[in-house]
């Protein structure tokens, strides 16, 4: 996986050395891997989550954390979602999300949101 978005219904990982493939998650619209050790993914309903993941073992390392926002979905694909190498995520909120009620927060690795 890279920081580029891909439209998927199931999220799989593949070990390029051994050719072993593993199903990670179903019901996924778009997913990107962040160097922080998380898979950021959007569900088909637009909910955005961070899933702790170890690429070395190809194993999920805990429960998914809701990022408490909805992202814009167009024909089953998240239109705008990107992650930097440092783990900063940029996304387009869902059209029905009021910017006046949104608050910029920093999401800690343990899932706690801290106002910026």
N, C-alpha and C. Protein backbone atom coordinates (compact mmCIF):
# COMPACT_ATOMS: atom_id res chain seq x y z
N UNK A 1 0.85 -1.18 0.00
CA UNK A 1 0.00 0.00 0.00
C UNK A 1 0.89 1.23 0.00
N UNK A 2 0.36 2.29 -0.57
CA UNK A 2 1.07 3.56 -0.58
C UNK A 2 0.11 4.65 -0.15
N UNK A 3 0.55 5.88 -0.22
CA UNK A 3 -0.29 7.01 0.13
C UNK A 3 -1.30 7.36 -0.95
N UNK A 4 -1.41 6.59 -2.00
CA UNK A 4 -2.38 6.85 -3.06
C UNK A 4 -3.67 6.09 -2.78
N UNK A 5 -4.80 6.70 -3.11
CA UNK A 5 -6.10 6.09 -2.88
C UNK A 5 -6.39 5.03 -3.93
N UNK A 6 -7.08 4.01 -3.52
CA UNK A 6 -7.56 2.97 -4.42
C UNK A 6 -8.98 2.62 -4.00
N UNK A 7 -9.87 2.45 -4.96
CA UNK A 7 -11.23 2.06 -4.65
C UNK A 7 -11.26 0.55 -4.49
N UNK A 8 -11.74 0.08 -3.34
CA UNK A 8 -11.81 -1.35 -3.07
C UNK A 8 -13.06 -1.66 -2.27
N UNK A 9 -13.54 -2.87 -2.36
CA UNK A 9 -14.61 -3.34 -1.50
C UNK A 9 -14.02 -4.16 -0.35
N UNK A 10 -12.90 -4.81 -0.62
CA UNK A 10 -12.16 -5.56 0.40
C UNK A 10 -10.73 -5.05 0.39
N UNK A 11 -10.14 -4.98 1.56
CA UNK A 11 -8.76 -4.54 1.67
C UNK A 11 -7.87 -5.76 1.93
N UNK A 12 -6.94 -6.02 1.02
CA UNK A 12 -6.01 -7.13 1.11
C UNK A 12 -4.59 -6.60 1.21
N UNK A 13 -3.70 -7.36 1.84
CA UNK A 13 -2.27 -7.06 1.79
C UNK A 13 -1.57 -8.22 1.11
N UNK A 14 -0.46 -7.91 0.45
CA UNK A 14 0.29 -8.91 -0.29
C UNK A 14 1.76 -8.78 0.05
N UNK A 15 2.38 -9.88 0.47
CA UNK A 15 3.82 -9.94 0.68
C UNK A 15 4.44 -10.23 -0.69
N UNK A 16 5.19 -9.27 -1.21
CA UNK A 16 5.75 -9.43 -2.56
C UNK A 16 6.82 -10.50 -2.63
N UNK A 17 7.48 -10.81 -1.49
CA UNK A 17 8.49 -11.87 -1.49
C UNK A 17 7.85 -13.24 -1.57
N UNK A 18 6.89 -13.50 -0.68
CA UNK A 18 6.30 -14.84 -0.57
C UNK A 18 5.02 -15.00 -1.40
N UNK A 19 4.48 -13.90 -1.87
CA UNK A 19 3.21 -13.89 -2.61
C UNK A 19 2.02 -14.26 -1.71
N UNK A 20 2.21 -14.21 -0.40
CA UNK A 20 1.11 -14.48 0.53
C UNK A 20 0.20 -13.26 0.58
N UNK A 21 -1.10 -13.52 0.44
CA UNK A 21 -2.10 -12.46 0.51
C UNK A 21 -3.02 -12.72 1.70
N UNK A 22 -3.41 -11.63 2.37
CA UNK A 22 -4.31 -11.75 3.52
C UNK A 22 -5.40 -10.70 3.42
N UNK A 23 -6.62 -11.11 3.73
CA UNK A 23 -7.73 -10.18 3.81
C UNK A 23 -7.62 -9.42 5.13
N UNK A 24 -7.65 -8.10 5.05
CA UNK A 24 -7.57 -7.27 6.25
C UNK A 24 -8.96 -6.84 6.70
N UNK A 25 -9.79 -6.41 5.74
CA UNK A 25 -11.05 -5.78 6.10
C UNK A 25 -11.99 -5.78 4.91
N UNK A 26 -13.27 -5.90 5.17
CA UNK A 26 -14.28 -5.79 4.12
C UNK A 26 -15.08 -4.50 4.28
N UNK A 27 -15.90 -4.19 3.29
CA UNK A 27 -16.75 -3.00 3.35
C UNK A 27 -15.99 -1.70 3.28
N UNK A 28 -14.88 -1.71 2.56
CA UNK A 28 -13.99 -0.54 2.50
C UNK A 28 -14.15 0.14 1.15
N UNK A 29 -14.28 1.46 1.17
CA UNK A 29 -14.34 2.23 -0.08
C UNK A 29 -12.94 2.56 -0.56
N UNK A 30 -12.13 3.14 0.31
CA UNK A 30 -10.79 3.61 -0.04
C UNK A 30 -9.88 3.40 1.16
N UNK A 31 -8.62 3.06 0.91
CA UNK A 31 -7.67 2.86 2.00
C UNK A 31 -6.29 3.35 1.60
N UNK A 32 -5.57 3.92 2.57
CA UNK A 32 -4.18 4.33 2.37
C UNK A 32 -3.40 3.93 3.62
N UNK A 33 -2.14 3.61 3.45
CA UNK A 33 -1.27 3.29 4.58
C UNK A 33 -0.51 4.55 4.98
N UNK A 34 -0.49 4.85 6.27
CA UNK A 34 0.26 5.97 6.81
C UNK A 34 1.49 5.43 7.53
N UNK A 35 2.61 6.12 7.38
CA UNK A 35 3.86 5.68 8.00
C UNK A 35 3.79 5.65 9.52
N UNK A 36 2.72 6.17 10.10
CA UNK A 36 2.52 6.10 11.55
C UNK A 36 2.15 4.70 12.00
N UNK A 37 1.92 3.79 11.01
CA UNK A 37 1.54 2.42 11.35
C UNK A 37 0.03 2.23 11.36
N UNK A 38 -0.68 3.03 10.58
CA UNK A 38 -2.13 2.95 10.52
C UNK A 38 -2.58 2.84 9.07
N UNK A 39 -3.66 2.10 8.88
CA UNK A 39 -4.36 2.14 7.62
C UNK A 39 -5.53 3.10 7.83
N UNK A 40 -5.56 4.17 7.05
CA UNK A 40 -6.71 5.07 7.07
C UNK A 40 -7.66 4.55 6.01
N UNK A 41 -8.90 4.35 6.39
CA UNK A 41 -9.86 3.83 5.42
C UNK A 41 -11.22 4.48 5.61
N UNK A 42 -11.94 4.54 4.52
CA UNK A 42 -13.31 5.03 4.54
C UNK A 42 -14.23 3.85 4.28
N UNK A 43 -15.27 3.75 5.09
CA UNK A 43 -16.29 2.74 4.83
C UNK A 43 -17.18 3.22 3.69
N UNK A 44 -17.97 2.34 3.18
CA UNK A 44 -18.85 2.68 2.07
C UNK A 44 -19.86 3.76 2.44
N UNK A 45 -20.15 3.94 3.75
CA UNK A 45 -21.07 4.99 4.18
C UNK A 45 -20.36 6.33 4.40
N UNK A 46 -19.04 6.39 4.16
CA UNK A 46 -18.29 7.64 4.29
C UNK A 46 -17.58 7.81 5.62
N UNK A 47 -17.81 6.92 6.59
CA UNK A 47 -17.11 7.02 7.88
C UNK A 47 -15.61 6.80 7.70
N UNK A 48 -14.80 7.61 8.38
CA UNK A 48 -13.34 7.54 8.26
C UNK A 48 -12.74 6.93 9.53
N UNK A 49 -11.82 5.96 9.35
CA UNK A 49 -11.25 5.23 10.47
C UNK A 49 -9.74 5.08 10.31
N UNK A 50 -9.05 4.88 11.43
CA UNK A 50 -7.63 4.55 11.44
C UNK A 50 -7.49 3.18 12.09
N UNK A 51 -6.81 2.26 11.41
CA UNK A 51 -6.65 0.89 11.88
C UNK A 51 -5.16 0.63 12.14
N UNK A 52 -4.76 0.37 13.40
CA UNK A 52 -3.34 0.07 13.66
C UNK A 52 -2.93 -1.18 12.89
N UNK A 53 -1.80 -1.08 12.17
CA UNK A 53 -1.40 -2.17 11.29
C UNK A 53 0.12 -2.27 11.23
N UNK A 54 0.62 -3.50 11.30
CA UNK A 54 2.06 -3.76 11.18
C UNK A 54 2.32 -4.37 9.81
N UNK A 55 2.96 -3.62 8.89
CA UNK A 55 3.19 -4.17 7.56
C UNK A 55 4.19 -5.34 7.55
N UNK A 56 5.08 -5.40 8.54
CA UNK A 56 6.04 -6.50 8.60
C UNK A 56 5.37 -7.85 8.82
N UNK A 57 4.42 -7.88 9.75
CA UNK A 57 3.71 -9.13 10.04
C UNK A 57 2.41 -9.24 9.24
N UNK A 58 2.05 -8.16 8.56
CA UNK A 58 0.78 -8.10 7.82
C UNK A 58 -0.40 -8.36 8.75
N UNK A 59 -0.32 -7.85 9.97
CA UNK A 59 -1.36 -8.09 10.98
C UNK A 59 -1.93 -6.78 11.50
N UNK A 60 -3.24 -6.79 11.73
CA UNK A 60 -3.91 -5.69 12.42
C UNK A 60 -3.43 -5.70 13.86
N UNK A 61 -3.16 -4.53 14.44
CA UNK A 61 -2.58 -4.43 15.78
C UNK A 61 -3.55 -3.90 16.83
N UNK A 62 -4.81 -3.82 16.52
CA UNK A 62 -5.80 -3.34 17.49
C UNK A 62 -7.09 -3.00 16.77
N UNK A 63 -7.98 -2.37 17.51
CA UNK A 63 -9.28 -2.00 16.96
C UNK A 63 -9.17 -0.72 16.13
N UNK A 64 -10.05 -0.61 15.17
CA UNK A 64 -10.14 0.61 14.37
C UNK A 64 -10.62 1.76 15.24
N UNK A 65 -10.10 2.94 14.97
CA UNK A 65 -10.46 4.14 15.70
C UNK A 65 -11.24 5.05 14.76
N UNK A 66 -12.45 5.44 15.17
CA UNK A 66 -13.23 6.36 14.36
C UNK A 66 -12.60 7.74 14.43
N UNK A 67 -12.41 8.37 13.27
CA UNK A 67 -11.87 9.73 13.24
C UNK A 67 -12.99 10.76 13.32
N UNK A 68 -14.19 10.29 13.59
CA UNK A 68 -15.36 11.11 13.87
C UNK A 68 -15.66 12.14 12.79
N UNK A 69 -15.51 11.74 11.56
CA UNK A 69 -15.92 12.60 10.47
C UNK A 69 -16.30 11.73 9.29
N UNK A 70 -17.07 12.30 8.40
CA UNK A 70 -17.46 11.62 7.17
C UNK A 70 -16.74 12.27 6.00
N UNK A 71 -16.31 11.44 5.07
CA UNK A 71 -15.61 11.96 3.89
C UNK A 71 -16.52 11.86 2.67
N UNK A 72 -16.22 12.67 1.68
CA UNK A 72 -17.02 12.71 0.46
C UNK A 72 -16.83 11.42 -0.33
N UNK A 73 -17.95 10.77 -0.65
CA UNK A 73 -17.95 9.53 -1.43
C UNK A 73 -18.67 9.83 -2.75
N UNK A 74 -18.08 9.46 -3.86
CA UNK A 74 -18.70 9.62 -5.17
C UNK A 74 -18.61 8.30 -5.91
N UNK A 75 -19.76 7.68 -6.16
CA UNK A 75 -19.84 6.38 -6.83
C UNK A 75 -19.01 5.31 -6.11
N UNK A 76 -19.05 5.34 -4.77
CA UNK A 76 -18.37 4.32 -3.98
C UNK A 76 -16.89 4.59 -3.75
N UNK A 77 -16.39 5.74 -4.22
CA UNK A 77 -14.97 6.06 -4.08
C UNK A 77 -14.82 7.35 -3.29
N UNK A 78 -13.89 7.37 -2.33
CA UNK A 78 -13.55 8.61 -1.66
C UNK A 78 -12.79 9.47 -2.67
N UNK A 79 -13.31 10.65 -2.92
CA UNK A 79 -12.74 11.49 -3.98
C UNK A 79 -11.41 12.10 -3.56
N UNK A 80 -11.32 12.64 -2.37
CA UNK A 80 -10.11 13.35 -1.95
C UNK A 80 -9.63 12.84 -0.59
N UNK A 81 -8.57 12.03 -0.61
CA UNK A 81 -7.95 11.53 0.62
C UNK A 81 -6.48 11.30 0.33
N UNK A 82 -5.62 11.94 1.12
CA UNK A 82 -4.18 11.80 0.93
C UNK A 82 -3.51 11.79 2.30
N UNK A 83 -2.37 11.10 2.39
CA UNK A 83 -1.61 11.02 3.63
C UNK A 83 -0.14 11.30 3.33
N UNK A 84 0.48 12.19 4.13
CA UNK A 84 1.90 12.47 3.96
C UNK A 84 2.73 11.38 4.62
N UNK A 85 4.03 11.36 4.36
CA UNK A 85 4.92 10.37 5.00
C UNK A 85 4.94 10.55 6.51
N UNK A 86 4.68 11.76 7.00
CA UNK A 86 4.66 12.01 8.44
C UNK A 86 3.34 11.61 9.08
N UNK A 87 2.33 11.29 8.26
CA UNK A 87 1.05 10.84 8.79
C UNK A 87 -0.03 11.90 8.79
N UNK A 88 0.23 13.08 8.24
CA UNK A 88 -0.80 14.11 8.15
C UNK A 88 -1.79 13.72 7.06
N UNK A 89 -3.06 13.71 7.41
CA UNK A 89 -4.10 13.33 6.45
C UNK A 89 -4.89 14.55 6.01
N UNK A 90 -5.18 14.60 4.73
CA UNK A 90 -6.05 15.62 4.15
C UNK A 90 -7.20 14.92 3.47
N UNK A 91 -8.42 15.41 3.70
CA UNK A 91 -9.57 14.80 3.07
C UNK A 91 -10.65 15.83 2.84
N UNK A 92 -11.53 15.52 1.90
CA UNK A 92 -12.69 16.37 1.63
C UNK A 92 -13.84 15.86 2.48
N UNK A 93 -14.43 16.73 3.34
CA UNK A 93 -15.55 16.26 4.15
C UNK A 93 -16.78 15.97 3.31
N UNK A 94 -17.68 15.18 3.85
CA UNK A 94 -18.94 14.87 3.18
C UNK A 94 -19.71 16.15 2.93
N UNK A 95 -20.49 16.22 1.84
CA UNK A 95 -21.21 17.46 1.51
C UNK A 95 -22.14 17.95 2.60
N UNK A 96 -22.71 17.05 3.40
CA UNK A 96 -23.64 17.49 4.43
C UNK A 96 -22.95 17.87 5.73
N UNK A 97 -21.61 17.89 5.75
CA UNK A 97 -20.87 18.28 6.93
C UNK A 97 -20.76 19.80 6.96
N UNK A 98 -21.25 20.41 8.00
CA UNK A 98 -21.18 21.87 8.13
C UNK A 98 -19.81 22.27 8.64
N UNK A 99 -19.10 23.07 7.88
CA UNK A 99 -17.78 23.53 8.30
C UNK A 99 -17.86 24.37 9.56
N UNK A 100 -19.02 25.00 9.80
CA UNK A 100 -19.15 25.84 10.99
C UNK A 100 -19.17 25.00 12.27
N UNK A 101 -19.48 23.70 12.16
CA UNK A 101 -19.52 22.85 13.35
C UNK A 101 -18.28 21.98 13.46
N UNK A 102 -17.36 22.11 12.51
CA UNK A 102 -16.15 21.29 12.53
C UNK A 102 -15.07 21.96 13.38
N UNK A 103 -14.23 21.14 13.97
CA UNK A 103 -13.13 21.62 14.78
C UNK A 103 -11.86 20.90 14.33
N UNK A 104 -10.79 21.65 14.12
CA UNK A 104 -9.52 21.03 13.76
C UNK A 104 -8.94 20.36 15.01
N UNK A 105 -8.59 19.08 14.88
CA UNK A 105 -8.03 18.34 16.01
C UNK A 105 -6.81 17.54 15.55
N UNK A 106 -5.95 17.24 16.50
CA UNK A 106 -4.81 16.35 16.30
C UNK A 106 -5.22 15.01 16.88
N UNK A 107 -5.14 13.94 16.09
CA UNK A 107 -5.51 12.61 16.57
C UNK A 107 -4.24 11.93 17.07
N UNK A 108 -4.20 11.63 18.36
CA UNK A 108 -3.06 10.94 18.95
C UNK A 108 -3.03 9.49 18.48
N UNK A 109 -1.89 8.84 18.62
CA UNK A 109 -1.78 7.44 18.19
C UNK A 109 -2.74 6.51 18.92
N UNK A 110 -3.14 6.89 20.13
CA UNK A 110 -4.08 6.05 20.89
C UNK A 110 -5.54 6.39 20.58
N UNK A 111 -5.77 7.31 19.61
CA UNK A 111 -7.11 7.63 19.19
C UNK A 111 -7.73 8.85 19.85
N UNK A 112 -7.06 9.43 20.86
CA UNK A 112 -7.60 10.62 21.51
C UNK A 112 -7.46 11.83 20.58
N UNK A 113 -8.52 12.66 20.56
CA UNK A 113 -8.50 13.88 19.75
C UNK A 113 -8.12 15.05 20.65
N UNK A 114 -7.17 15.85 20.18
CA UNK A 114 -6.71 17.02 20.93
C UNK A 114 -6.93 18.26 20.06
N UNK A 115 -7.69 19.28 20.56
CA UNK A 115 -7.91 20.50 19.75
C UNK A 115 -6.57 21.14 19.38
N UNK A 116 -6.53 21.68 18.17
CA UNK A 116 -5.31 22.35 17.70
C UNK A 116 -5.40 23.82 18.02
